Structure formats: C-alpha cells, structure tokens
Amino acid sequence: MPNIGYICYNTLRVNAVTGKELVKRHVKSGWRIDRIHGSHHIIEKDNVTVPIPVHAGKDLPVGTVKAILKITGLKI
C-alpha cells in the first residue's frame, strides 16, 4: 500500500523534456532565472537555487529531471 501525503519520485513518469522547456515551466510557476553560467540556467525561489542544464535542444536524462522536480516541488 503506498504512503499518502508525499510523491514517490522513483515511480514518477517523466516525459522527454529539454532544459529550455523545464526552465519555462519553472518560471511560470514563480521561479526566477538568477543567472546563466555557461550552458546552465540557475533558477531561484525562496533562497533555494537549482541549476538546470540547457544543452542545444537535447532532452535531459530522466534522473536529472526527477532530481530537479524533487528539489523544486514542481509537478509536471
């Protein structure tokens, strides 16, 4: 029986998403782009900073997307 009250990110199904799309979704949900360092956009909200890799239209690995979603609490 699954626990109620939290999201299990190991079973979360994530569609292929690029870094650019992930940044757009976070900005729409209240995060702001703090700075861009090379190919990484660093987003910030409530003193929490998260780097998101943005590499020339390539999809992010599923584990990377899950880790970012776990830190930010955003649901896709």
C-alpha atoms as a PDB file:
ATOM      1  CA  MET A   1       0.000   0.000   0.000  1.00  0.00           C
ATOM      2  CA  PRO A   2       1.546   3.349  -0.990  1.00  0.00           C
ATOM      3  CA  ASN A   3       2.000   6.056   1.596  1.00  0.00           C
ATOM      4  CA  ILE A   4      -0.321   9.018   1.239  1.00  0.00           C
ATOM      5  CA  GLY A   5       0.970  12.548   1.630  1.00  0.00           C
ATOM      6  CA  TYR A   6       4.108  12.520  -0.470  1.00  0.00           C
ATOM      7  CA  ILE A   7       5.143  11.910  -4.054  1.00  0.00           C
ATOM      8  CA  CYS A   8       7.319   8.929  -4.785  1.00  0.00           C
ATOM      9  CA  TYR A   9       9.772  10.250  -7.375  1.00  0.00           C
ATOM     10  CA  ASN A  10      11.112   6.783  -8.174  1.00  0.00           C
ATOM     11  CA  THR A  11       7.795   5.867  -9.797  1.00  0.00           C
ATOM     12  CA  LEU A  12       7.110   9.308 -11.292  1.00  0.00           C
ATOM     13  CA  ARG A  13       6.787   9.049 -15.046  1.00  0.00           C
ATOM     14  CA  VAL A  14       8.559  11.861 -16.805  1.00  0.00           C
ATOM     15  CA  ASN A  15       8.195  12.595 -20.498  1.00  0.00           C
ATOM     16  CA  ALA A  16      11.194  13.686 -22.516  1.00  0.00           C
ATOM     17  CA  VAL A  17      11.795  17.349 -21.808  1.00  0.00           C
ATOM     18  CA  THR A  18      14.525  19.770 -22.811  1.00  0.00           C
ATOM     19  CA  GLY A  19      16.230  22.064 -20.348  1.00  0.00           C
ATOM     20  CA  LYS A  20      14.698  25.104 -22.040  1.00  0.00           C
ATOM     21  CA  GLU A  21      11.163  23.715 -21.563  1.00  0.00           C
ATOM     22  CA  LEU A  22      11.907  22.889 -17.931  1.00  0.00           C
ATOM     23  CA  VAL A  23      13.125  26.432 -17.271  1.00  0.00           C
ATOM     24  CA  LYS A  24       9.963  27.879 -18.887  1.00  0.00           C
ATOM     25  CA  ARG A  25       7.721  25.734 -16.683  1.00  0.00           C
ATOM     26  CA  HIS A  26       9.558  26.795 -13.544  1.00  0.00           C
ATOM     27  CA  VAL A  27       9.425  30.488 -14.471  1.00  0.00           C
ATOM     28  CA  LYS A  28       5.656  30.200 -14.995  1.00  0.00           C
ATOM     29  CA  SER A  29       5.310  28.673 -11.529  1.00  0.00           C
ATOM     30  CA  GLY A  30       7.112  31.521  -9.771  1.00  0.00           C
ATOM     31  CA  TRP A  31      10.795  30.662 -10.024  1.00  0.00           C
ATOM     32  CA  ARG A  32      13.123  33.275 -11.495  1.00  0.00           C
ATOM     33  CA  ILE A  33      16.312  32.955 -13.501  1.00  0.00           C
ATOM     34  CA  ASP A  34      19.043  34.163 -11.157  1.00  0.00           C
ATOM     35  CA  ARG A  35      21.901  33.847 -13.627  1.00  0.00           C
ATOM     36  CA  ILE A  36      23.173  31.871 -16.594  1.00  0.00           C
ATOM     37  CA  HIS A  37      26.554  30.231 -16.249  1.00  0.00           C
ATOM     38  CA  GLY A  38      27.652  28.584 -19.481  1.00  0.00           C
ATOM     39  CA  SER A  39      25.007  26.085 -20.506  1.00  0.00           C
ATOM     40  CA  HIS A  40      23.280  26.066 -17.119  1.00  0.00           C
ATOM     41  CA  HIS A  41      20.423  28.317 -16.036  1.00  0.00           C
ATOM     42  CA  ILE A  42      20.370  28.817 -12.280  1.00  0.00           C
ATOM     43  CA  ILE A  43      16.841  29.401 -11.016  1.00  0.00           C
ATOM     44  CA  GLU A  44      15.938  30.709  -7.578  1.00  0.00           C
ATOM     45  CA  LYS A  45      12.911  30.912  -5.297  1.00  0.00           C
ATOM     46  CA  ASP A  46      12.765  31.418  -1.525  1.00  0.00           C
ATOM     47  CA  ASN A  47      16.582  31.206  -1.161  1.00  0.00           C
ATOM     48  CA  VAL A  48      16.700  27.843  -2.951  1.00  0.00           C
ATOM     49  CA  THR A  49      18.869  27.745  -6.063  1.00  0.00           C
ATOM     50  CA  VAL A  50      18.750  24.959  -8.628  1.00  0.00           C
ATOM     51  CA  PRO A  51      20.882  24.611 -11.764  1.00  0.00           C
ATOM     52  CA  ILE A  52      19.129  23.380 -14.902  1.00  0.00           C
ATOM     53  CA  PRO A  53      21.309  22.239 -17.809  1.00  0.00           C
ATOM     54  CA  VAL A  54      20.238  23.693 -21.163  1.00  0.00           C
ATOM     55  CA  HIS A  55      22.081  21.885 -23.958  1.00  0.00           C
ATOM     56  CA  ALA A  56      21.196  22.719 -27.587  1.00  0.00           C
ATOM     57  CA  GLY A  57      17.759  21.108 -27.834  1.00  0.00           C
ATOM     58  CA  LYS A  58      18.761  17.783 -26.291  1.00  0.00           C
ATOM     59  CA  ASP A  59      16.382  16.049 -23.902  1.00  0.00           C
ATOM     60  CA  LEU A  60      17.522  15.873 -20.306  1.00  0.00           C
ATOM     61  CA  PRO A  61      18.138  12.466 -18.725  1.00  0.00           C
ATOM     62  CA  VAL A  62      15.159  11.201 -16.735  1.00  0.00           C
ATOM     63  CA  GLY A  63      17.157  11.072 -13.494  1.00  0.00           C
ATOM     64  CA  THR A  64      18.189  14.702 -13.870  1.00  0.00           C
ATOM     65  CA  VAL A  65      14.599  15.816 -14.421  1.00  0.00           C
ATOM     66  CA  LYS A  66      13.385  13.806 -11.428  1.00  0.00           C
ATOM     67  CA  ALA A  67      16.091  15.296  -9.201  1.00  0.00           C
ATOM     68  CA  ILE A  68      15.205  18.851 -10.267  1.00  0.00           C
ATOM     69  CA  LEU A  69      11.493  18.213  -9.690  1.00  0.00           C
ATOM     70  CA  LYS A  70      12.211  16.729  -6.269  1.00  0.00           C
ATOM     71  CA  ILE A  71      14.152  19.829  -5.199  1.00  0.00           C
ATOM     72  CA  THR A  72      11.710  22.355  -6.649  1.00  0.00           C
ATOM     73  CA  GLY A  73       8.488  20.522  -5.819  1.00  0.00           C
ATOM     74  CA  LEU A  74       7.067  21.200  -9.276  1.00  0.00           C
ATOM     75  CA  LYS A  75       4.707  18.619 -10.726  1.00  0.00           C
ATOM     76  CA  ILE A  76       4.692  18.042 -14.474  1.00  0.00           C
END
